[in-house]
Amino acid sequence: MHILHRRGWEIPESQATPESIYLNRRALLGGAGALAASAILSSSARADTDPTADLYPAKRNEKFTLDRDLTPESNASNYNNFYEYGTDKYIGGRAQLLRTRSWTVKFEGMVEKEMTVGIDDLIRAMPIEERLYRMRCVEAWSMAVPWTGFAMAKLVEYAKPLSSAKYVRMETFLDSSMAPAQRLPFFPWPYVEGLTMAEATNELAFMVTGIYGKPAVKQHGAPLRLVTPWKYGFKGIKSIVRFSFTDQRPKGTWEVLQASEYGFWANVNPQVPHPRWSQASEEDIGTRERRPTLLFNGYGEYVADLYKGAEKEKLYM
């Protein structure tokens, strides 16, 4: 009799995703083998030359330190959520279909002037640095990663939003030719997330362009993704193509899918369980060590003041 030994950080898929996604998983994974083979066979043809590769490794900002060892690169690069390429975690091969050059980023909405910028021009216009951050997934696993990129506050400054803008809405690419799972109907594609302007300009909010001293790999959301280390990982939208400044609170993809379980704020709190599992502890994907979850993932000194007066909202969902 074959017994499946599930790793500690792997919860059942019926808990990790809404039922509608779980029920469609077979349809998605049925083509996974073909997609992986296609990615491997075409990897050389689809290889993207990164004109900013000379910026890595960047100087480390020593203000942001860790209370644990870095997660081995092999673990962090082979255990990822990127639903455009499947509902399982091992999507690295399939994600090689992503074409990261040429890539443009649009700034629109309540800004002085709407504009579209090439990703390489944007990256070179920013002060690039490395930061060590903890990352906590809503599924109760965690890792510690050396991200490279720039403060989101610098991106906001670059975009020149109007003073009346209260939120920034972010959107990933929409192209099923390089993300075949976008052909499936159960997700409201493209992936969307949002922050308040105060969150976006907090010094922790980080736009990621690289990891482990190199340009970001595709499964981590190349060429541009968001990292907000005090929030659950689903807020960290990948492969961004659009920033819209608005006075209306945006609804993220997971809030649209399952508002009773995933909200706008998504701040880490060990005392507030997910409706279907505890958030009191987490398992490191590198060491398999289980440790207590920290309020705001340990970053309360930077962000707790952002939520004063909003305690009646569902800040931790």
Protein backbone atom coordinates (compact mmCIF):
# COMPACT_ATOMS: atom_id res chain seq x y z
CA MET A 1 0.00 0.00 0.00
CA HIS A 2 1.45 3.34 -1.02
CA ILE A 3 1.32 5.92 1.74
CA LEU A 4 1.74 9.57 0.82
CA HIS A 5 3.83 11.46 3.34
CA ARG A 6 2.92 15.10 2.95
CA ARG A 7 5.57 17.62 3.88
CA GLY A 8 4.82 19.80 6.84
CA TRP A 9 4.20 23.00 4.93
CA GLU A 10 1.98 21.33 2.34
CA ILE A 11 -1.67 21.54 3.36
CA PRO A 12 -4.32 19.66 1.37
CA GLU A 13 -5.24 21.43 -1.84
CA SER A 14 -8.86 21.45 -0.74
CA GLN A 15 -7.72 23.85 1.97
CA ALA A 16 -5.16 25.78 -0.01
CA THR A 17 -7.48 26.93 -2.80
CA PRO A 18 -11.15 27.80 -3.22
CA GLU A 19 -13.32 24.81 -4.15
CA SER A 20 -13.93 26.14 -7.65
CA ILE A 21 -10.21 26.05 -8.38
CA TYR A 22 -9.75 22.66 -6.74
CA LEU A 23 -12.48 21.12 -8.87
CA ASN A 24 -10.85 22.39 -12.03
CA ARG A 25 -7.35 21.31 -11.07
CA ARG A 26 -7.49 18.11 -13.12
CA ALA A 27 -8.25 20.06 -16.27
CA LEU A 28 -5.31 22.32 -15.60
CA LEU A 29 -2.80 19.63 -14.71
CA GLY A 30 -3.87 17.39 -17.58
CA GLY A 31 -1.79 19.56 -19.86
CA ALA A 32 1.01 20.14 -17.38
CA GLY A 33 3.29 17.50 -18.86
CA ALA A 34 2.91 18.89 -22.34
CA LEU A 35 3.52 22.40 -21.11
CA ALA A 36 6.65 21.40 -19.22
CA ALA A 37 8.01 19.57 -22.24
CA SER A 38 7.23 22.54 -24.45
CA ALA A 39 9.04 24.86 -22.07
CA ILE A 40 12.11 22.66 -21.95
CA LEU A 41 12.28 22.15 -25.72
CA SER A 42 11.86 25.83 -26.43
CA SER A 43 13.89 27.20 -23.54
CA SER A 44 16.83 28.24 -25.70
CA ALA A 45 14.55 29.88 -28.25
CA ARG A 46 12.63 31.72 -25.54
CA ALA A 47 15.65 32.74 -23.48
CA ASP A 48 15.41 36.42 -22.57
CA THR A 49 18.51 38.57 -22.55
CA ASP A 50 18.36 40.92 -19.56
CA PRO A 51 20.07 44.22 -20.41
CA THR A 52 20.19 45.10 -16.70
CA ALA A 53 22.14 41.99 -15.66
CA ASP A 54 25.20 44.15 -14.92
CA LEU A 55 23.36 45.63 -11.90
CA TYR A 56 23.60 42.36 -9.97
CA PRO A 57 24.64 41.60 -7.33
CA ALA A 58 23.56 44.93 -5.83
CA LYS A 59 24.80 46.43 -2.60
CA ARG A 60 22.93 45.10 0.42
CA ASN A 61 20.91 47.47 2.60
CA GLU A 62 22.06 46.40 6.07
CA LYS A 63 19.02 47.97 7.74
CA PHE A 64 16.97 44.91 6.84
CA THR A 65 18.35 41.90 8.68
CA LEU A 66 16.98 38.45 9.45
CA ASP A 67 16.48 36.35 12.57
CA ARG A 68 17.06 33.13 10.60
CA ASP A 69 19.21 31.71 7.81
CA LEU A 70 18.41 32.40 4.19
CA THR A 71 16.34 29.74 2.48
CA PRO A 72 18.50 27.78 0.01
CA GLU A 73 18.03 29.10 -3.49
CA SER A 74 17.02 25.67 -4.78
CA ASN A 75 14.12 25.52 -2.31
CA ALA A 76 12.92 29.06 -2.91
CA SER A 77 13.07 28.63 -6.70
CA ASN A 78 11.23 25.31 -6.80
CA TYR A 79 8.30 25.90 -4.45
CA ASN A 80 6.18 28.74 -5.78
CA ASN A 81 2.65 29.95 -6.36
CA PHE A 82 2.06 31.34 -9.85
CA TYR A 83 -1.46 30.39 -10.91
CA GLU A 84 -0.90 31.46 -14.49
CA TYR A 85 1.17 28.27 -14.73
CA GLY A 86 -0.76 25.86 -12.52
CA THR A 87 -2.25 25.30 -9.09
CA ASP A 88 0.60 23.10 -7.86
CA LYS A 89 3.82 24.51 -6.42
CA TYR A 90 6.29 23.04 -8.88
CA ILE A 91 5.69 25.38 -11.78
CA GLY A 92 9.30 26.43 -12.47
CA GLY A 93 9.57 24.54 -15.75
CA ARG A 94 6.22 25.76 -17.05
CA ALA A 95 6.99 29.35 -16.05
CA GLN A 96 9.85 29.41 -18.57
CA LEU A 97 7.18 30.16 -21.18
CA LEU A 98 7.06 33.68 -19.72
CA ARG A 99 8.73 36.20 -22.03
CA THR A 100 10.20 39.05 -20.03
CA ARG A 101 11.65 41.11 -22.89
CA SER A 102 10.47 43.28 -24.41
CA TRP A 103 8.31 44.35 -21.43
CA THR A 104 6.57 47.62 -20.71
CA VAL A 105 4.97 49.07 -17.60
CA LYS A 106 2.07 51.51 -17.77
CA PHE A 107 1.30 54.25 -15.23
CA GLU A 108 -2.24 55.55 -15.48
CA GLY A 109 -5.24 56.97 -13.68
CA MET A 110 -4.79 59.80 -11.21
CA VAL A 111 -1.30 60.82 -12.29
CA GLU A 112 0.12 64.04 -13.69
CA LYS A 113 0.71 62.33 -17.02
CA GLU A 114 -0.01 58.77 -18.10
CA MET A 115 3.00 56.99 -19.53
CA THR A 116 4.31 53.64 -20.69
CA VAL A 117 7.93 52.82 -19.87
CA GLY A 118 10.24 50.00 -20.94
CA ILE A 119 11.20 47.78 -18.01
CA ASP A 120 14.94 48.27 -18.54
CA ASP A 121 14.60 52.05 -18.59
CA LEU A 122 12.52 51.87 -15.41
CA ILE A 123 15.00 49.66 -13.58
CA ARG A 124 17.96 51.85 -14.53
CA ALA A 125 16.11 54.93 -13.30
CA MET A 126 15.86 53.44 -9.79
CA PRO A 127 18.35 53.02 -6.90
CA ILE A 128 18.85 49.23 -6.91
CA GLU A 129 19.72 47.46 -3.65
CA GLU A 130 19.44 44.08 -1.97
CA ARG A 131 17.24 43.46 1.07
CA LEU A 132 16.84 40.36 3.23
CA TYR A 133 13.16 39.76 4.01
CA ARG A 134 11.06 37.07 5.61
CA MET A 135 8.13 35.90 3.48
CA ARG A 136 5.00 34.33 4.95
CA CYS A 137 2.47 32.57 2.71
CA VAL A 138 -1.19 32.48 3.73
CA GLU A 139 -0.88 28.69 3.40
CA ALA A 140 1.33 28.68 6.55
CA TRP A 141 4.75 28.13 4.96
CA SER A 142 7.59 30.62 4.94
CA MET A 143 11.01 31.42 3.57
CA ALA A 144 13.76 34.04 3.95
CA VAL A 145 14.99 35.59 0.72
CA PRO A 146 17.60 38.08 -0.55
CA TRP A 147 15.52 40.23 -2.87
CA THR A 148 17.03 42.84 -5.19
CA GLY A 149 15.05 45.82 -6.38
CA PHE A 150 14.01 49.29 -5.25
CA ALA A 151 11.67 50.91 -2.77
CA MET A 152 8.11 51.16 -4.04
CA ALA A 153 8.11 54.73 -2.74
CA LYS A 154 10.59 55.53 -5.53
CA LEU A 155 8.23 54.06 -8.10
CA VAL A 156 5.36 56.16 -6.73
CA GLU A 157 7.56 59.24 -6.92
CA TYR A 158 8.42 58.35 -10.52
CA ALA A 159 4.73 57.96 -11.43
CA LYS A 160 3.80 61.39 -9.98
CA PRO A 161 0.29 60.57 -8.69
CA LEU A 162 -2.14 63.36 -7.89
CA SER A 163 -2.69 64.21 -4.22
CA SER A 164 -6.26 62.89 -4.56
CA ALA A 165 -5.05 59.34 -5.29
CA LYS A 166 -5.68 57.05 -2.31
CA TYR A 167 -4.77 53.64 -3.71
CA VAL A 168 -2.55 52.00 -6.29
CA ARG A 169 -4.02 49.12 -8.27
CA MET A 170 -1.55 46.69 -9.86
CA GLU A 171 -2.16 44.27 -12.69
CA THR A 172 -0.13 41.44 -14.15
CA PHE A 173 0.15 40.50 -17.81
CA LEU A 174 -2.69 38.91 -19.78
CA ASP A 175 -1.34 36.66 -22.53
CA SER A 176 -2.48 33.05 -22.70
CA SER A 177 0.11 32.28 -25.37
CA MET A 178 2.77 32.41 -22.65
CA ALA A 179 0.53 31.55 -19.70
CA PRO A 180 -1.81 28.78 -20.87
CA ALA A 181 -3.65 28.54 -17.55
CA GLN A 182 -5.11 31.95 -18.36
CA ARG A 183 -7.33 30.14 -20.86
CA LEU A 184 -9.18 28.46 -18.00
CA PRO A 185 -12.30 30.23 -16.80
CA PHE A 186 -12.15 29.89 -13.03
CA PHE A 187 -9.84 32.86 -12.38
CA PRO A 188 -10.78 36.47 -13.11
CA TRP A 189 -7.67 37.13 -15.19
CA PRO A 190 -5.48 39.12 -15.12
CA TYR A 191 -4.23 38.91 -11.53
CA VAL A 192 -4.88 42.15 -9.63
CA GLU A 193 -3.74 43.52 -6.28
CA GLY A 194 -3.82 46.86 -4.50
CA LEU A 195 -2.36 48.92 -1.68
CA THR A 196 -3.19 52.19 -0.01
CA MET A 197 -0.85 55.02 -0.86
CA ALA A 198 0.44 54.92 2.71
CA GLU A 199 1.30 51.23 2.33
CA ALA A 200 2.85 51.73 -1.10
CA THR A 201 5.14 54.47 0.21
CA ASN A 202 6.07 52.66 3.42
CA GLU A 203 9.80 51.98 3.45
CA LEU A 204 9.26 48.19 3.54
CA ALA A 205 7.25 47.98 0.30
CA PHE A 206 9.70 46.75 -2.32
CA MET A 207 9.62 46.32 -6.09
CA VAL A 208 11.63 43.22 -6.92
CA THR A 209 13.73 42.80 -10.04
CA GLY A 210 16.22 40.20 -8.78
CA ILE A 211 16.87 37.44 -6.27
CA TYR A 212 19.95 35.71 -4.86
CA GLY A 213 22.22 38.30 -6.44
CA LYS A 214 20.89 37.75 -9.97
CA PRO A 215 17.99 38.92 -12.12
CA ALA A 216 14.70 37.43 -10.93
CA VAL A 217 13.80 34.00 -12.27
CA LYS A 218 10.48 33.70 -14.03
CA GLN A 219 8.67 31.67 -11.37
CA HIS A 220 9.37 34.51 -8.90
CA GLY A 221 7.56 37.01 -11.10
CA ALA A 222 10.18 38.47 -13.42
CA PRO A 223 10.77 41.11 -14.51
CA LEU A 224 8.92 43.13 -11.84
CA ARG A 225 6.98 42.01 -8.78
CA LEU A 226 5.86 43.40 -5.44
CA VAL A 227 7.05 42.26 -2.02
CA THR A 228 5.27 43.51 1.12
CA PRO A 229 6.85 41.36 3.84
CA TRP A 230 4.36 42.23 6.57
CA LYS A 231 1.50 40.83 4.48
CA TYR A 232 0.63 37.33 3.31
CA GLY A 233 2.36 36.38 0.10
CA PHE A 234 -0.69 36.50 -2.18
CA LYS A 235 -0.46 40.30 -2.01
CA GLY A 236 2.91 40.07 -3.79
CA ILE A 237 1.66 40.36 -7.35
CA LYS A 238 4.05 39.04 -10.00
CA SER A 239 5.08 40.15 -13.50
CA ILE A 240 3.42 43.55 -13.27
CA VAL A 241 2.50 45.52 -16.39
CA ARG A 242 0.19 48.22 -15.00
CA PHE A 243 -0.02 50.63 -12.05
CA SER A 244 -3.30 52.54 -11.79
CA PHE A 245 -3.66 55.32 -9.22
CA THR A 246 -7.21 55.76 -7.99
CA ASP A 247 -9.45 57.03 -5.20
CA GLN A 248 -11.42 53.75 -5.18
CA ARG A 249 -10.24 50.73 -3.18
CA PRO A 250 -9.31 47.98 -5.65
CA LYS A 251 -10.40 44.39 -5.20
CA GLY A 252 -7.61 41.88 -5.54
CA THR A 253 -8.04 38.61 -7.40
CA TRP A 254 -8.35 36.45 -4.28
CA GLU A 255 -10.83 38.86 -2.71
CA VAL A 256 -12.96 38.57 -5.86
CA LEU A 257 -12.73 34.78 -5.77
CA GLN A 258 -13.33 34.18 -2.07
CA ALA A 259 -14.05 37.36 -0.10
CA SER A 260 -14.92 35.41 3.05
CA GLU A 261 -11.33 34.13 3.23
CA TYR A 262 -9.11 36.66 1.47
CA GLY A 263 -9.42 40.40 2.00
CA PHE A 264 -7.81 43.64 0.95
CA TRP A 265 -5.45 44.01 3.91
CA ALA A 266 -3.97 40.51 4.40
CA ASN A 267 -1.64 41.51 7.23
CA VAL A 268 0.04 38.61 9.05
CA ASN A 269 -1.41 37.85 12.49
CA PRO A 270 -0.93 34.56 14.36
CA GLN A 271 -4.03 35.19 16.46
CA VAL A 272 -6.42 35.44 13.50
CA PRO A 273 -6.86 32.05 11.81
CA HIS A 274 -7.73 31.54 8.20
CA PRO A 275 -11.30 30.16 8.15
CA ARG A 276 -9.91 26.70 7.34
CA TRP A 277 -6.55 26.53 9.16
CA SER A 278 -4.52 28.10 11.94
CA GLN A 279 -2.02 30.88 11.33
CA ALA A 280 -0.34 30.46 14.72
CA SER A 281 2.76 28.79 13.29
CA GLU A 282 4.55 28.33 10.00
CA GLU A 283 6.98 25.87 8.42
CA ASP A 284 10.19 27.00 6.76
CA ILE A 285 10.45 25.39 3.32
CA GLY A 286 14.21 25.13 3.62
CA THR A 287 14.76 23.73 7.13
CA ARG A 288 11.27 22.25 7.69
CA GLU A 289 11.48 23.90 11.08
CA ARG A 290 8.17 24.99 12.57
CA ARG A 291 8.20 28.29 14.41
CA PRO A 292 5.60 30.67 15.85
CA THR A 293 4.19 33.20 13.41
CA LEU A 294 4.99 36.82 14.26
CA LEU A 295 2.50 39.70 14.18
CA PHE A 296 3.01 41.59 10.90
CA ASN A 297 5.57 38.85 10.19
CA GLY A 298 7.88 40.60 12.65
CA TYR A 299 7.73 44.01 10.93
CA GLY A 300 5.34 45.77 13.28
CA GLU A 301 7.78 48.57 14.09
CA TYR A 302 7.57 49.67 10.46
CA VAL A 303 3.88 49.25 9.72
CA ALA A 304 1.65 49.02 12.81
CA ASP A 305 0.91 52.76 12.73
CA LEU A 306 -0.58 52.40 9.24
CA TYR A 307 -3.65 50.69 10.69
CA LYS A 308 -4.50 52.88 13.66
CA GLY A 309 -8.17 53.76 13.49
CA ALA A 310 -8.94 50.85 11.17
CA GLU A 311 -9.17 48.15 13.85
CA LYS A 312 -12.81 47.38 12.99
CA GLU A 313 -11.80 46.29 9.50
CA LYS A 314 -10.65 42.77 8.69
CA LEU A 315 -6.99 43.73 8.76
CA TYR A 316 -5.65 40.17 9.02
CA MET A 317 -7.55 38.41 6.22
